[in-house]
Structures are given as C-alpha cells and as structure tokens.
Protein backbone atom coordinates (compact mmCIF):
# COMPACT_ATOMS: atom_id res chain seq x y z
CA MET A 1 10.43 34.44 -32.93
CA ARG A 2 7.04 34.26 -31.91
CA ALA A 3 5.90 33.22 -35.74
CA PHE A 4 8.78 31.14 -36.13
CA ALA A 5 7.39 29.48 -32.76
CA GLU A 6 4.08 29.35 -33.40
CA LEU A 7 5.24 27.55 -37.18
CA LEU A 8 7.67 24.80 -34.85
CA ASP A 9 4.33 24.50 -32.12
CA ARG A 10 1.51 23.90 -34.82
CA LEU A 11 4.08 21.65 -36.95
CA SER A 12 4.45 19.35 -33.73
CA LEU A 13 0.90 18.89 -33.37
CA THR A 14 -0.16 18.07 -37.13
CA ALA A 15 0.12 14.77 -38.23
CA SER A 16 -1.08 15.12 -41.80
CA ARG A 17 1.41 15.92 -44.33
CA ASN A 18 -0.42 17.88 -46.56
CA ALA A 19 -1.33 20.09 -43.46
CA LYS A 20 2.07 20.52 -42.57
CA LEU A 21 2.97 21.23 -46.22
CA ARG A 22 0.22 24.32 -45.91
CA LEU A 23 1.47 25.60 -42.69
CA VAL A 24 5.01 26.12 -44.18
CA ARG A 25 3.79 27.17 -47.79
CA ASP A 26 2.14 30.47 -45.75
CA TYR A 27 4.46 31.04 -43.60
CA LEU A 28 7.17 31.37 -46.45
CA ARG A 29 4.79 33.38 -48.18
CA ASP A 30 3.73 35.70 -45.27
CA THR A 31 7.36 36.47 -43.64
CA PRO A 32 9.65 38.26 -44.61
CA ASP A 33 13.70 38.33 -45.45
CA PRO A 34 15.72 37.44 -43.79
CA ASP A 35 13.52 35.01 -41.43
CA ARG A 36 11.87 32.70 -43.48
CA GLY A 37 15.24 32.09 -45.52
CA TRP A 38 16.39 31.15 -42.21
CA ALA A 39 13.60 29.32 -41.14
CA LEU A 40 13.78 27.14 -43.98
CA ALA A 41 17.36 26.44 -43.53
CA ALA A 42 16.47 25.23 -39.81
CA LEU A 43 13.45 22.92 -41.40
CA THR A 44 16.22 21.60 -44.11
CA GLY A 45 18.82 20.72 -41.71
CA ASP A 46 21.21 22.91 -43.04
CA LEU A 47 21.57 25.80 -40.54
CA SER A 48 23.54 24.35 -37.21
CA PHE A 49 25.85 26.51 -34.80
CA THR A 50 29.00 24.79 -33.36
CA ALA A 51 29.40 27.21 -30.12
CA ALA A 52 26.51 26.22 -29.13
CA LYS A 53 25.81 22.83 -27.04
CA PRO A 54 22.66 21.35 -25.08
CA ALA A 55 25.33 21.50 -22.16
CA PHE A 56 25.21 25.24 -21.66
CA ILE A 57 21.51 24.98 -22.21
CA ARG A 58 21.56 22.42 -18.71
CA LYS A 59 24.46 24.66 -17.02
CA ALA A 60 22.16 27.91 -17.25
CA VAL A 61 18.84 26.22 -15.82
CA GLU A 62 20.81 24.63 -13.12
CA GLU A 63 22.39 28.03 -12.08
CA ARG A 64 18.64 29.23 -11.88
CA MET A 65 16.98 26.55 -9.89
CA ASP A 66 17.74 23.33 -7.88
CA PRO A 67 19.11 20.95 -9.90
CA GLN A 68 17.64 18.26 -8.42
CA LEU A 69 13.84 19.43 -9.06
CA PHE A 70 15.20 19.93 -13.03
CA TRP A 71 16.59 16.44 -13.22
CA TRP A 72 13.37 14.78 -12.24
CA SER A 73 11.03 17.35 -14.03
CA TYR A 74 13.68 16.84 -17.40
CA ASP A 75 12.83 12.99 -16.33
CA TYR A 76 9.40 13.25 -16.27
CA VAL A 77 9.35 15.25 -19.25
CA GLY A 78 11.29 13.45 -21.22
CA ASP A 79 13.11 16.33 -23.61
CA LEU A 80 15.36 18.72 -22.82
CA ALA A 81 13.65 21.93 -24.40
CA GLU A 82 10.45 21.15 -23.54
CA THR A 83 11.67 20.75 -20.03
CA VAL A 84 13.73 24.03 -19.82
CA ALA A 85 10.66 25.97 -21.70
CA LEU A 86 8.32 24.74 -19.08
CA VAL A 87 10.59 25.60 -15.86
CA TRP A 88 12.63 28.66 -17.00
CA PRO A 89 12.66 31.15 -13.81
CA ARG A 90 12.93 34.44 -15.27
CA ARG A 91 14.44 37.55 -14.52
CA GLN A 92 12.56 40.71 -14.96
CA GLY A 93 14.53 43.22 -17.02
CA ALA A 94 15.17 41.42 -19.92
CA ASN A 95 15.36 43.57 -23.38
CA ARG A 96 12.51 42.82 -26.14
CA GLU A 97 12.10 39.60 -27.63
CA PRO A 98 14.92 38.49 -30.26
CA GLU A 99 13.37 38.06 -34.10
CA LEU A 100 14.94 35.30 -35.44
CA ASN A 101 17.29 36.86 -37.85
CA GLU A 102 18.78 38.01 -34.47
CA VAL A 103 19.08 34.75 -33.11
CA VAL A 104 20.86 33.52 -36.28
CA ASP A 105 23.44 36.05 -36.11
CA ALA A 106 24.55 36.22 -33.02
CA LEU A 107 25.22 32.89 -32.42
CA ARG A 108 26.80 32.37 -36.21
CA SER A 109 29.39 34.83 -34.56
CA ALA A 110 29.27 33.75 -30.89
CA GLY A 111 32.26 32.07 -29.05
CA ARG A 112 31.35 29.65 -26.83
CA ALA A 113 32.07 31.34 -23.73
CA GLU A 114 29.08 33.86 -25.21
CA VAL A 115 26.46 31.28 -25.63
CA GLN A 116 25.16 30.61 -22.49
CA ARG A 117 24.64 34.77 -21.70
CA LEU A 118 22.72 34.93 -24.75
CA ILE A 119 20.73 31.93 -24.36
CA GLU A 120 19.93 33.10 -20.56
CA GLY A 121 19.15 36.72 -21.95
CA TRP A 122 16.66 35.42 -24.75
CA LEU A 123 14.79 32.80 -22.47
CA ASP A 124 14.17 36.00 -20.23
CA ALA A 125 13.11 38.22 -22.90
CA MET A 126 10.30 35.60 -23.64
CA ASP A 127 6.73 35.57 -22.28
CA GLU A 128 5.59 32.01 -23.51
CA PRO A 129 7.08 28.52 -23.08
CA ARG A 130 6.00 27.92 -26.64
CA GLU A 131 8.36 30.92 -27.80
CA ARG A 132 11.33 29.83 -25.71
CA TRP A 133 10.96 25.90 -26.77
CA ALA A 134 11.15 27.25 -30.68
CA LEU A 135 14.00 29.01 -29.14
CA LEU A 136 16.41 25.97 -27.73
CA LYS A 137 15.02 23.79 -30.49
CA LEU A 138 16.51 25.99 -33.08
CA VAL A 139 20.01 26.32 -30.87
CA THR A 140 20.10 22.68 -30.54
CA GLY A 141 19.35 21.82 -33.92
CA GLY A 142 17.09 18.81 -33.18
CA LEU A 143 13.55 20.52 -34.37
CA ARG A 144 11.44 16.70 -34.57
CA VAL A 145 8.42 18.28 -35.71
CA GLY A 146 7.98 15.75 -38.60
CA MET A 147 8.99 18.19 -41.44
CA THR A 148 11.59 16.68 -43.61
CA ALA A 149 13.81 18.54 -45.84
CA ARG A 150 12.48 17.29 -48.78
CA LEU A 151 9.30 18.28 -47.69
CA ALA A 152 10.32 21.99 -46.76
CA LYS A 153 11.52 22.07 -50.54
CA ARG A 154 8.25 21.27 -51.74
CA ALA A 155 6.45 23.54 -49.79
CA ALA A 156 8.92 26.35 -50.61
CA ALA A 157 7.86 25.46 -54.49
CA GLU A 158 4.09 25.48 -54.28
CA MET A 159 4.78 29.14 -52.45
CA GLY A 160 6.25 30.04 -55.59
CA GLY A 161 4.51 27.75 -58.33
CA VAL A 162 7.44 26.09 -59.32
CA GLU A 163 8.18 22.21 -59.35
CA PRO A 164 9.87 20.71 -56.32
CA ALA A 165 12.55 19.08 -58.81
CA GLU A 166 13.71 22.63 -60.19
CA ILE A 167 14.53 23.63 -56.30
CA GLU A 168 16.42 20.64 -55.83
CA GLU A 169 18.35 21.04 -59.04
CA ILE A 170 19.60 24.08 -57.48
CA TRP A 171 19.70 23.56 -53.72
CA HIS A 172 23.49 23.22 -53.58
CA ALA A 173 23.83 26.69 -55.25
CA LEU A 174 22.35 28.20 -52.48
CA HIS A 175 22.85 29.94 -49.34
CA ALA A 176 20.94 30.84 -46.18
CA PRO A 177 18.87 33.00 -45.73
CA TYR A 178 18.45 32.36 -49.39
CA GLU A 179 17.07 35.62 -50.72
CA ASP A 180 17.72 35.00 -54.65
CA LEU A 181 15.35 31.97 -53.52
CA PHE A 182 12.42 33.87 -52.72
CA ALA A 183 13.06 36.43 -55.53
CA TRP A 184 12.67 34.12 -58.25
CA LEU A 185 10.00 31.95 -56.65
CA GLU A 186 7.89 35.33 -56.16
CA GLY A 187 8.93 36.56 -59.74
CA ARG A 188 11.08 39.59 -58.91
CA SER A 189 13.97 38.35 -60.37
CA GLU A 190 15.47 34.86 -62.23
CA LYS A 191 16.15 31.49 -61.32
CA PRO A 192 19.32 31.27 -59.78
CA SER A 193 21.49 29.26 -61.72
CA SER A 194 22.67 25.88 -60.90
CA GLU A 195 25.52 25.66 -63.33
CA ASN A 196 28.24 24.99 -60.41
CA PRO A 197 30.58 22.47 -60.70
CA GLY A 198 30.37 19.35 -58.88
CA ARG A 199 26.41 20.13 -57.86
CA PHE A 200 23.56 17.75 -56.44
CA ARG A 201 21.30 16.66 -58.62
CA PRO A 202 17.55 15.06 -57.20
CA VAL A 203 17.26 11.51 -57.02
CA MET A 204 14.66 9.40 -58.46
CA LEU A 205 13.35 6.59 -56.15
CA ALA A 206 10.99 3.46 -56.42
CA GLN A 207 7.97 2.68 -55.11
CA ALA A 208 7.23 -0.19 -53.10
CA ILE A 209 5.32 -2.99 -55.61
CA ASP A 210 2.14 -4.46 -54.28
CA GLU A 211 2.52 -8.06 -55.00
CA GLU A 212 -1.43 -8.56 -55.24
CA VAL A 213 -1.81 -5.71 -57.92
CA ASP A 214 0.58 -4.23 -59.53
CA PHE A 215 2.47 -8.05 -61.26
CA GLY A 216 -1.19 -8.31 -62.76
CA LYS A 217 -0.67 -4.89 -64.79
CA LEU A 218 2.88 -4.98 -65.33
CA ASP A 219 4.47 -6.15 -68.28
CA ALA A 220 7.93 -8.38 -67.55
CA THR A 221 9.47 -7.45 -70.68
CA ASP A 222 9.26 -4.06 -70.17
CA TYR A 223 11.35 -3.85 -67.07
CA ALA A 224 14.81 -4.29 -66.35
CA ALA A 225 15.79 -6.34 -62.10
CA GLU A 226 18.95 -5.60 -60.27
CA TRP A 227 19.73 -6.66 -56.94
CA LYS A 228 18.95 -3.68 -54.09
CA TRP A 229 22.17 -3.77 -52.83
CA ASP A 230 22.85 -3.49 -48.62
CA GLY A 231 24.59 -0.13 -48.06
CA ILE A 232 24.27 3.69 -48.97
CA ARG A 233 22.77 5.71 -52.09
CA VAL A 234 25.11 7.91 -53.38
CA GLN A 235 25.52 10.39 -55.98
CA ALA A 236 29.05 10.13 -57.32
CA VAL A 237 30.52 13.65 -59.21
CA ASN A 238 33.38 14.66 -61.42
CA GLU A 239 32.93 17.88 -62.81
CA GLY A 240 34.52 20.92 -64.32
CA GLY A 241 37.84 19.57 -61.55
CA VAL A 242 35.41 19.10 -59.05
CA ARG A 243 34.95 15.67 -57.33
CA ARG A 244 32.12 15.36 -55.06
CA LEU A 245 30.22 12.35 -52.78
CA TYR A 246 26.61 12.91 -51.92
CA THR A 247 24.31 10.78 -50.07
CA ARG A 248 20.64 10.47 -51.50
CA THR A 249 19.29 13.31 -49.74
CA GLY A 250 22.95 15.74 -50.94
CA ASP A 251 24.77 15.46 -47.96
CA ASP A 252 28.21 16.04 -48.42
CA ILE A 253 30.39 12.92 -47.65
CA SER A 254 33.40 13.22 -49.65
CA LYS A 255 35.78 13.77 -46.95
CA SER A 256 34.93 10.19 -45.44
CA PHE A 257 35.88 8.82 -48.78
CA PRO A 258 38.55 9.63 -50.58
CA ASP A 259 39.60 6.60 -51.95
CA VAL A 260 36.46 6.44 -53.87
CA LEU A 261 36.93 9.97 -55.21
CA ASP A 262 40.41 9.24 -56.12
CA ALA A 263 38.76 6.36 -58.64
CA LEU A 264 36.37 9.46 -60.41
CA THR A 265 39.15 9.77 -63.19
CA ASP A 266 36.57 10.12 -66.28
CA GLU A 267 33.79 13.54 -66.15
CA GLY A 268 30.28 12.54 -65.53
CA VAL A 269 27.56 11.82 -62.69
CA ILE A 270 27.28 8.19 -61.57
CA ASP A 271 24.17 7.11 -59.41
CA GLY A 272 24.74 3.79 -57.51
CA GLU A 273 25.52 2.42 -53.94
CA LEU A 274 28.04 2.90 -51.65
CA LEU A 275 29.54 -0.60 -50.16
CA VAL A 276 32.56 -2.36 -48.79
CA ILE A 277 33.67 -4.88 -51.31
CA ARG A 278 36.83 -6.48 -49.84
CA ASP A 279 38.22 -9.53 -52.30
CA GLY A 280 35.59 -8.87 -54.92
CA GLN A 281 33.47 -9.68 -52.07
CA VAL A 282 30.14 -7.44 -51.00
CA ALA A 283 31.28 -7.09 -46.76
CA PRO A 284 28.05 -6.92 -44.41
CA PHE A 285 26.71 -3.44 -43.88
CA ALA A 286 28.23 -3.35 -40.86
CA ASP A 287 31.90 -2.86 -41.98
CA LEU A 288 30.56 -0.01 -43.83
CA GLN A 289 29.46 1.73 -40.58
CA GLN A 290 33.12 2.10 -39.70
CA ARG A 291 33.25 4.18 -42.31
CA LEU A 292 30.25 6.46 -42.33
CA ASN A 293 29.76 10.03 -40.36
CA ARG A 294 33.83 10.38 -39.88
CA LYS A 295 35.06 13.63 -40.63
CA THR A 296 38.47 11.90 -41.64
CA VAL A 297 39.99 8.75 -42.03
CA ASP A 298 43.26 6.93 -42.12
CA ALA A 299 45.25 4.92 -44.23
CA LYS A 300 44.58 1.78 -42.07
CA LEU A 301 40.60 2.20 -41.79
CA MET A 302 40.60 2.55 -45.53
CA ALA A 303 42.40 -0.48 -46.35
CA GLN A 304 40.48 -2.36 -43.37
CA HIS A 305 37.42 -0.94 -44.80
CA PRO A 306 37.71 -0.71 -48.83
CA ALA A 307 34.83 1.57 -49.99
CA ALA A 308 33.59 1.33 -53.34
CA ILE A 309 30.85 2.37 -55.58
CA ARG A 310 28.33 -0.23 -57.12
CA ALA A 311 27.12 1.77 -60.31
CA TYR A 312 23.58 1.40 -61.57
CA ASP A 313 23.07 5.01 -63.29
CA ILE A 314 24.77 7.42 -64.87
CA LEU A 315 23.10 11.31 -64.92
CA ALA A 316 25.66 12.62 -66.57
CA GLU A 317 28.48 12.03 -69.25
CA GLY A 318 31.45 14.55 -69.73
CA ALA A 319 29.56 17.84 -70.06
CA GLU A 320 26.18 15.82 -71.48
CA ASP A 321 22.83 15.69 -68.81
CA THR A 322 21.59 12.18 -69.61
CA ARG A 323 18.83 12.12 -67.34
CA THR A 324 16.14 12.65 -70.22
CA LEU A 325 17.70 9.46 -71.78
CA PRO A 326 15.85 6.69 -71.93
CA PHE A 327 16.63 3.57 -69.05
CA ALA A 328 18.30 0.91 -71.83
CA GLU A 329 20.60 3.96 -73.68
CA ARG A 330 21.84 5.38 -70.23
CA ARG A 331 22.48 1.74 -69.05
CA GLN A 332 24.66 0.97 -71.79
CA ARG A 333 26.11 4.70 -71.70
CA LEU A 334 26.63 3.72 -67.97
CA GLU A 335 28.16 0.02 -68.78
CA ALA A 336 31.10 2.27 -71.08
CA PHE A 337 31.87 4.40 -68.34
CA VAL A 338 32.90 1.74 -65.66
CA ALA A 339 34.84 -0.16 -68.60
CA LYS A 340 36.03 3.06 -69.13
CA GLU A 341 37.21 3.99 -65.54
CA ARG A 342 38.94 0.85 -64.70
CA SER A 343 38.84 0.70 -61.55
CA PRO A 344 38.49 -2.20 -58.27
CA ARG A 345 36.35 1.55 -56.22
CA ILE A 346 33.98 1.30 -59.12
CA ASP A 347 32.00 -1.69 -60.52
CA LEU A 348 28.56 -2.35 -62.54
CA SER A 349 25.75 -3.43 -60.84
CA PRO A 350 24.32 -6.25 -63.00
CA VAL A 351 21.09 -6.79 -64.81
CA GLN A 352 19.13 -9.69 -63.70
CA PRO A 353 17.51 -11.70 -66.74
CA PHE A 354 14.09 -13.63 -66.55
CA ALA A 355 11.37 -13.91 -68.41
CA SER A 356 7.99 -13.74 -66.34
CA TRP A 357 7.29 -12.53 -62.48
CA SER A 358 7.04 -16.05 -61.27
CA GLU A 359 10.58 -16.76 -62.39
CA LEU A 360 12.01 -13.18 -61.11
CA ALA A 361 9.83 -13.95 -57.69
CA ASP A 362 12.09 -17.20 -57.40
CA LEU A 363 14.97 -15.58 -58.18
CA ARG A 364 14.44 -13.19 -55.39
CA SER A 365 13.67 -15.67 -52.96
CA GLN A 366 16.36 -18.37 -53.74
CA PRO A 367 19.42 -15.99 -54.71
CA PRO A 368 22.99 -17.48 -56.11
CA GLU A 369 25.78 -17.57 -54.45
CA GLY A 370 27.96 -14.59 -53.87
CA ASP A 371 26.94 -10.63 -53.73
CA PRO A 372 23.31 -11.53 -54.49
CA GLN A 373 23.11 -12.90 -50.90
CA VAL A 374 23.77 -9.93 -48.96
CA ALA A 375 21.17 -8.16 -51.40
CA GLU A 376 17.84 -6.52 -49.14
CA GLY A 377 15.96 -7.54 -52.43
CA LEU A 378 15.17 -6.38 -56.48
CA MET A 379 14.90 -3.49 -58.22
CA LEU A 380 12.54 -3.52 -61.08
CA LYS A 381 13.61 -0.19 -63.77
CA ARG A 382 11.19 0.20 -66.98
CA TRP A 383 13.91 0.55 -70.17
CA ASP A 384 11.69 3.41 -71.28
CA SER A 385 12.06 5.35 -68.15
CA ILE A 386 13.83 8.84 -67.91
CA TYR A 387 15.27 9.90 -64.92
CA GLU A 388 13.08 12.03 -62.86
CA ALA A 389 13.37 13.25 -59.47
CA GLY A 390 11.09 12.53 -56.39
CA ARG A 391 9.17 9.55 -56.46
CA PRO A 392 6.89 8.59 -59.45
CA LYS A 393 4.60 5.53 -59.54
CA GLY A 394 5.36 3.21 -62.62
CA PRO A 395 8.83 3.81 -63.72
CA TRP A 396 11.17 2.08 -60.87
CA PHE A 397 9.97 -0.36 -58.06
CA LYS A 398 11.39 -1.80 -55.21
CA TRP A 399 10.80 -5.74 -54.36
CA LYS A 400 12.63 -6.01 -51.14
CA ARG A 401 12.69 -9.44 -49.28
CA ASP A 402 10.77 -11.04 -47.08
CA PRO A 403 11.49 -9.64 -43.14
CA PHE A 404 13.06 -12.38 -40.62
CA LEU A 405 10.56 -12.88 -37.71
CA ILE A 406 11.33 -13.91 -34.42
CA ASP A 407 9.18 -13.82 -31.14
CA ALA A 408 10.50 -12.02 -28.16
CA VAL A 409 9.88 -10.98 -24.74
CA LEU A 410 9.61 -7.12 -23.49
CA MET A 411 12.28 -6.72 -21.35
CA TYR A 412 12.98 -2.84 -21.01
CA ALA A 413 11.24 0.42 -21.91
CA GLN A 414 12.05 4.07 -22.30
CA ARG A 415 10.03 6.90 -22.32
CA GLY A 416 10.31 8.86 -26.27
CA HIS A 417 10.71 12.23 -27.39
CA GLY A 418 8.46 14.99 -28.54
CA LYS A 419 5.03 13.35 -28.88
CA ARG A 420 5.63 10.75 -27.22
CA SER A 421 7.43 11.88 -24.47
CA SER A 422 4.99 11.10 -21.64
CA PHE A 423 4.33 7.29 -23.21
CA TYR A 424 6.72 4.70 -22.41
CA SER A 425 7.74 4.00 -26.21
CA ASP A 426 11.22 2.32 -27.07
CA TYR A 427 11.44 -0.84 -26.20
CA THR A 428 13.89 -3.61 -25.44
CA PHE A 429 13.50 -7.19 -26.05
CA GLY A 430 15.12 -10.72 -25.28
CA THR A 431 14.99 -14.05 -26.37
CA TRP A 432 15.49 -17.22 -23.75
CA THR A 433 18.68 -19.37 -23.44
CA GLU A 434 20.50 -21.65 -20.57
CA SER A 435 21.13 -20.04 -17.13
CA PRO A 436 24.59 -20.22 -15.21
CA GLU A 437 22.77 -21.42 -12.08
CA GLY A 438 20.51 -23.37 -14.71
CA GLY A 439 17.16 -23.13 -15.97
CA ARG A 440 15.97 -19.83 -18.33
CA MET A 441 17.05 -16.44 -18.95
CA LEU A 442 16.21 -13.91 -21.39
CA THR A 443 19.44 -11.94 -22.85
CA PRO A 444 18.95 -8.82 -24.53
CA VAL A 445 18.68 -9.14 -28.26
CA GLY A 446 17.06 -5.78 -29.79
CA LYS A 447 15.28 -2.77 -29.51
CA ALA A 448 12.45 -1.22 -31.64
CA TYR A 449 10.38 2.10 -31.30
CA PHE A 450 7.95 1.87 -33.93
CA GLY A 451 6.33 -0.44 -35.85
CA PHE A 452 2.76 -0.16 -34.46
CA THR A 453 0.09 2.15 -34.07
CA ASP A 454 -1.14 5.10 -31.69
CA GLU A 455 -3.50 2.76 -29.86
CA GLU A 456 -0.98 -0.04 -29.53
CA LEU A 457 1.44 2.20 -27.96
CA LYS A 458 -1.39 3.26 -25.39
CA GLN A 459 -2.14 -0.44 -24.77
CA ILE A 460 1.64 -1.28 -24.57
CA ASP A 461 2.40 1.89 -22.16
CA LYS A 462 -0.41 0.35 -19.67
CA PHE A 463 1.37 -3.07 -19.34
CA VAL A 464 4.67 -1.77 -18.47
CA ARG A 465 3.18 0.72 -16.24
CA ASP A 466 1.19 -1.99 -14.45
CA ASN A 467 4.05 -4.51 -14.86
CA THR A 468 7.17 -2.18 -14.17
CA LEU A 469 9.72 -4.22 -11.97
CA GLU A 470 12.41 -1.56 -11.11
CA ARG A 471 13.20 2.29 -12.59
CA PHE A 472 16.28 3.66 -14.09
CA GLY A 473 16.00 7.55 -14.88
CA PRO A 474 13.55 6.97 -18.23
CA VAL A 475 13.55 3.46 -18.32
CA ARG A 476 11.70 0.96 -16.84
CA SER A 477 12.41 -2.56 -16.37
CA VAL A 478 9.35 -4.55 -16.91
CA ARG A 479 8.30 -8.26 -15.86
CA ALA A 480 9.10 -10.76 -17.70
CA GLU A 481 8.50 -14.62 -16.73
CA PRO A 482 7.50 -17.08 -19.06
CA ASN A 483 4.17 -16.87 -17.45
CA ALA A 484 3.79 -13.09 -17.16
CA GLY A 485 4.89 -10.88 -19.32
CA LEU A 486 4.70 -9.31 -23.00
CA VAL A 487 5.54 -10.86 -26.61
CA PHE A 488 6.44 -9.13 -29.43
CA GLU A 489 6.54 -10.55 -33.04
CA VAL A 490 10.06 -8.68 -34.24
CA ALA A 491 10.77 -8.41 -38.00
CA PHE A 492 14.08 -7.64 -39.15
CA GLU A 493 16.33 -7.48 -42.15
CA GLY A 494 19.20 -9.09 -41.36
CA LEU A 495 21.35 -10.47 -38.79
CA GLN A 496 25.19 -9.90 -37.59
CA ARG A 497 27.54 -10.80 -35.32
CA SER A 498 28.10 -8.04 -32.83
CA THR A 499 31.22 -7.83 -29.95
CA ARG A 500 28.94 -4.61 -28.43
CA HIS A 501 26.08 -6.89 -27.91
CA LYS A 502 25.82 -9.53 -25.31
CA SER A 503 23.71 -11.82 -27.58
CA GLY A 504 26.70 -11.94 -29.68
CA VAL A 505 24.02 -10.91 -32.62
CA ALA A 506 22.58 -7.34 -33.74
CA MET A 507 19.71 -7.27 -35.74
CA ARG A 508 19.10 -4.99 -39.01
CA PHE A 509 16.14 -2.42 -38.70
CA PRO A 510 14.08 -4.67 -36.19
CA ARG A 511 10.57 -3.47 -35.62
CA ILE A 512 7.69 -4.45 -33.83
CA ASN A 513 5.15 -6.85 -36.68
CA ARG A 514 2.66 -7.53 -34.23
CA ILE A 515 2.30 -7.96 -30.39
CA ARG A 516 1.24 -11.56 -29.29
CA TRP A 517 -1.08 -10.95 -26.54
CA ASP A 518 -2.17 -14.17 -27.23
CA LYS A 519 1.51 -16.06 -26.56
CA PRO A 520 3.02 -17.00 -23.12
CA PRO A 521 6.38 -15.56 -22.87
CA GLY A 522 8.01 -18.53 -21.82
CA GLU A 523 7.16 -19.74 -25.64
CA ALA A 524 9.32 -17.29 -27.01
CA ASP A 525 12.25 -18.29 -29.44
CA GLU A 526 15.35 -18.90 -27.91
CA LEU A 527 18.27 -17.24 -28.52
CA SER A 528 19.68 -20.09 -30.81
CA THR A 529 16.77 -19.54 -33.04
CA LEU A 530 18.49 -16.62 -33.91
CA GLU A 531 22.13 -17.90 -34.19
CA ARG A 532 21.04 -20.31 -36.77
CA MET A 533 19.88 -18.26 -38.86
CA LEU A 534 23.04 -16.43 -38.97
CA GLU A 535 24.70 -19.70 -39.32
CA ARG A 536 22.13 -19.97 -42.45
CA MET A 537 23.13 -15.92 -43.79
CA GLU A 538 26.95 -16.98 -43.20
CA GLY A 539 26.68 -20.05 -44.79
CA ARG A 540 24.75 -18.85 -48.00
C-alpha cells in the first residue's frame, strides 16, 4: 500500500498533466503484478467494492473517538478520508500493513458485516496518515487526484511504447488486474485480442475552434457542418448478436435504454447523440436526465421520455471497419444504414449547407425553427478525415454558441473538497425579485464552483470569511445587500423550467465568468431577466 499511497499523494499535489503522466507511468513500470493492475483499475474507475460504504468508515471512527469532536474535525477539513486519516486513534498490536492486492482481494469477497472490521484493522496497522488516506480513498472509490481514465490509459501506453488508441481498442476485452495487458506492454506476450463482439471503440473528439485564428487558415469547402446536439455522446453497437450502448468514455448504459437497443436491427456501430425525441422534436436535456443513471426503467418512463439516437457517423458496417474511410464516404454509408433501420429511435443528423464562414456564422447565431433551436452550436468535420481516436487538431472542430450572461449576487459559500477543502469555493448566487413585504429580495438561481483562477479563489474566500452572517456546517451565508456584497458575472449554456428550484428556473452548466468587484449588488439583474430569457428560448 505504501507505493500506492505515495502515488496518490503525489498526484494530488501535482498540477502538470505531463508530470502526472510520468508519475503513473513510472509506478506501472516499477510495481509488480497484481498491485499495478489494481492501481490502474482504481485510477480508471473500474474498481469498486459494493459492500464498502462511507457509513462504515464514519461508524468506525465514531466508536474510537468522541463523535462530536470527529464532526467538528470533518467540518474543518471538508473531506471524509482526509479527516479520518488524520484523527484515527490507532490501537497497538495490529498486524503488518497490507499490500494493495490483499486489500482488494479481501474487500471483493467480504460481506457487509466484515467490512468495518477489516477497515479498522488496516487503519491500525498503518503508520502514516498518507497511507490511511489512500486506503480510504480506495475503499470509497473517490480518488479525486486529478487523473482521468483516459490519462491513466495513456500512461500505460507510454510505459509500453504503444499508441493510446491501441489500449482503448482492447480495453473492454481486459479484466483487472490486467496481467495480459502488462505482459504485452513489456514484450512478454502477444497483444490481447480485441475481437470480442459488442466491444467499445475509442471515440474521436473535436477541438474548440479559435475564431480569430482558425478561420483564416481553413477553407470552408473542406468542411461539413452539423448541429451540436444537447444530449450525451453515445456509441451504439450491434455485433455478433451482442447489442450495447456506450457513453463516450466507454461506460455501458445498455440497461437504462432497452428501447434504443431494440431499434438496432442491422449489424454495425454508429456514433451519435442520445436525446429524448418526442413527437418528432428534440426535448430539453432535462428530459434526458430523467433516464440517465438508472439501473432499470419501466414502460411508463420510456413512454414519457422516449430516447433516440441522432446518428452522425458510422464506425462499422456489418463486419467491415469503416473508420479508415474518409468522412464523405462514411456519411454516405451512414445515410444508407439509417434509412435501412427505419426506426423512430434512430435518425440522421442533417448536414447544414454553407458557402462561407460568414454564412455559417449567421446560421450559428440565428438557427432556424425546430430542433436547431435547442442545439449547443455547430460541429465542423473535414470531408476527407478518417475516424481516429482522441482529439487530433484539424479534422473536427466544435463551435459552440456564445454563452448567456447574467449578473448575480453571492448568497452562500461552501467549502470544497480535496485541495480546496480549506477554501470556500462552491458558490450559490441569486437575482433580485419583489419581496412579499415590499421592496426587493434575493432569490437563489444557481450554483457554480469553477470559472475562476486560484488567485481569484483566495480573494473570494477572504470576502466570504470577512462577510459571513451565519454558519450552517460547511456552508456560510454571506452579506448580500444592495450596497454590500459581491457580484458575479455568471455564464451558462441554457435555461429550463424547474419545480425543484425556488426561482422556477435551472441553469445549464453555470460558471463564474467574471468577478464584478466594480458593481454594487443593487445593480445586479432581476429574476425577471432570466424569465424573459426563458420565454425567448421557448418561443423560438
């Protein structure tokens, strides 16, 4: 566990992407099987323990120390694993510190009644808070060390001197602790086979376009344009009698969308956007959220929120891999494939004709009636581009609409987690509305925890501490009056009506765009401004 604990500790304190890659690559190279395989599974999110719950950890520590003292400590630190690692009162006489594979093997076979006893014994055997912290992060599954699954796989690829796409291609045929993967990467065996039916193909991603630079270099006739739909990216597979639906990161969501799988009658693999399409029209993203992250769905939910795929690429047709074909040819094949399916659950993302970048800019700013009104912007794809994994520069671009902006007043602040646990970094903000007693009052309209620099975070944190009115555990209410408070310029992608929010509206992807130190809170926007925005969106 010590090497794994050191890896997590260094990853949590390292900001550089390349430095994180080196840390994981060196760990995988120097650590023997099966520990390195279990570590890779933890970093990619493929390792979880159904019997281990955070409640067991809280119960264990409350039996060792005064519960109120623990909760005060938890409130101050802001992270469960870090708090327990620091305050854990060890009992002498515990066995030796376990190896990573011993922890994994024990937890995979343990019942709920055994988990707490196992965790207590391991914590007692560990000398350093860093090791206890790593153990608890492993148990709860929330590493929070700034390492994505894609980055972890890239580190493994660098260790073996292969392309990351090669690992992505075979990943779904592998099983932790990946001895066959490491044997191949170290040249001790052949490459594991990816020829398993229903497998996931690594996806191709788009670069955000730089309007001031890229348009001067690109020829409009080289590119096709499509709407960027407001759903989730999926890959639908019907192969060798196996039908599956994956997210763009390779998560299998087939059980949540059996109605979509039933529409896959012909063998092939299509890339597209998962949407709720009702009466031939794309519904807001909030409707799709009713279907996401559900293990099972009933007929009523499927009828109320009918899911469908808006297809924009074909990766395999029958047994033929089409990814090396140019996009123009893949598009022709996709049109024929979708026409042959003849299902209301699968339709085609139409190509938008344009003759120049200025004409396309007009289309983006003023989309026509119907589905384009709920699109996030446009996608640009070179007609001659092959389908390659990752985010290559040049073949595909995304050109999102300009965000909506509103000035709102900071009302509440909450401590963050991990590296931000000592800062008030999660903010609730509001806009003005009429008070029942007369005058004006602030109504919360959204929350955001990103969009600012580290230096700005320190400034906001100081403002929160200097202007706190009340405390509610890790949350503080902040002075917010017409002449005293802090105004944020908030950017967001869209609005939708909501019965769960007091304001009656919910923002899509809100973020802090700018801190308005120069603006008095009394000049911030009214709730009616958001309502008019929503009415214009609904009236499109």
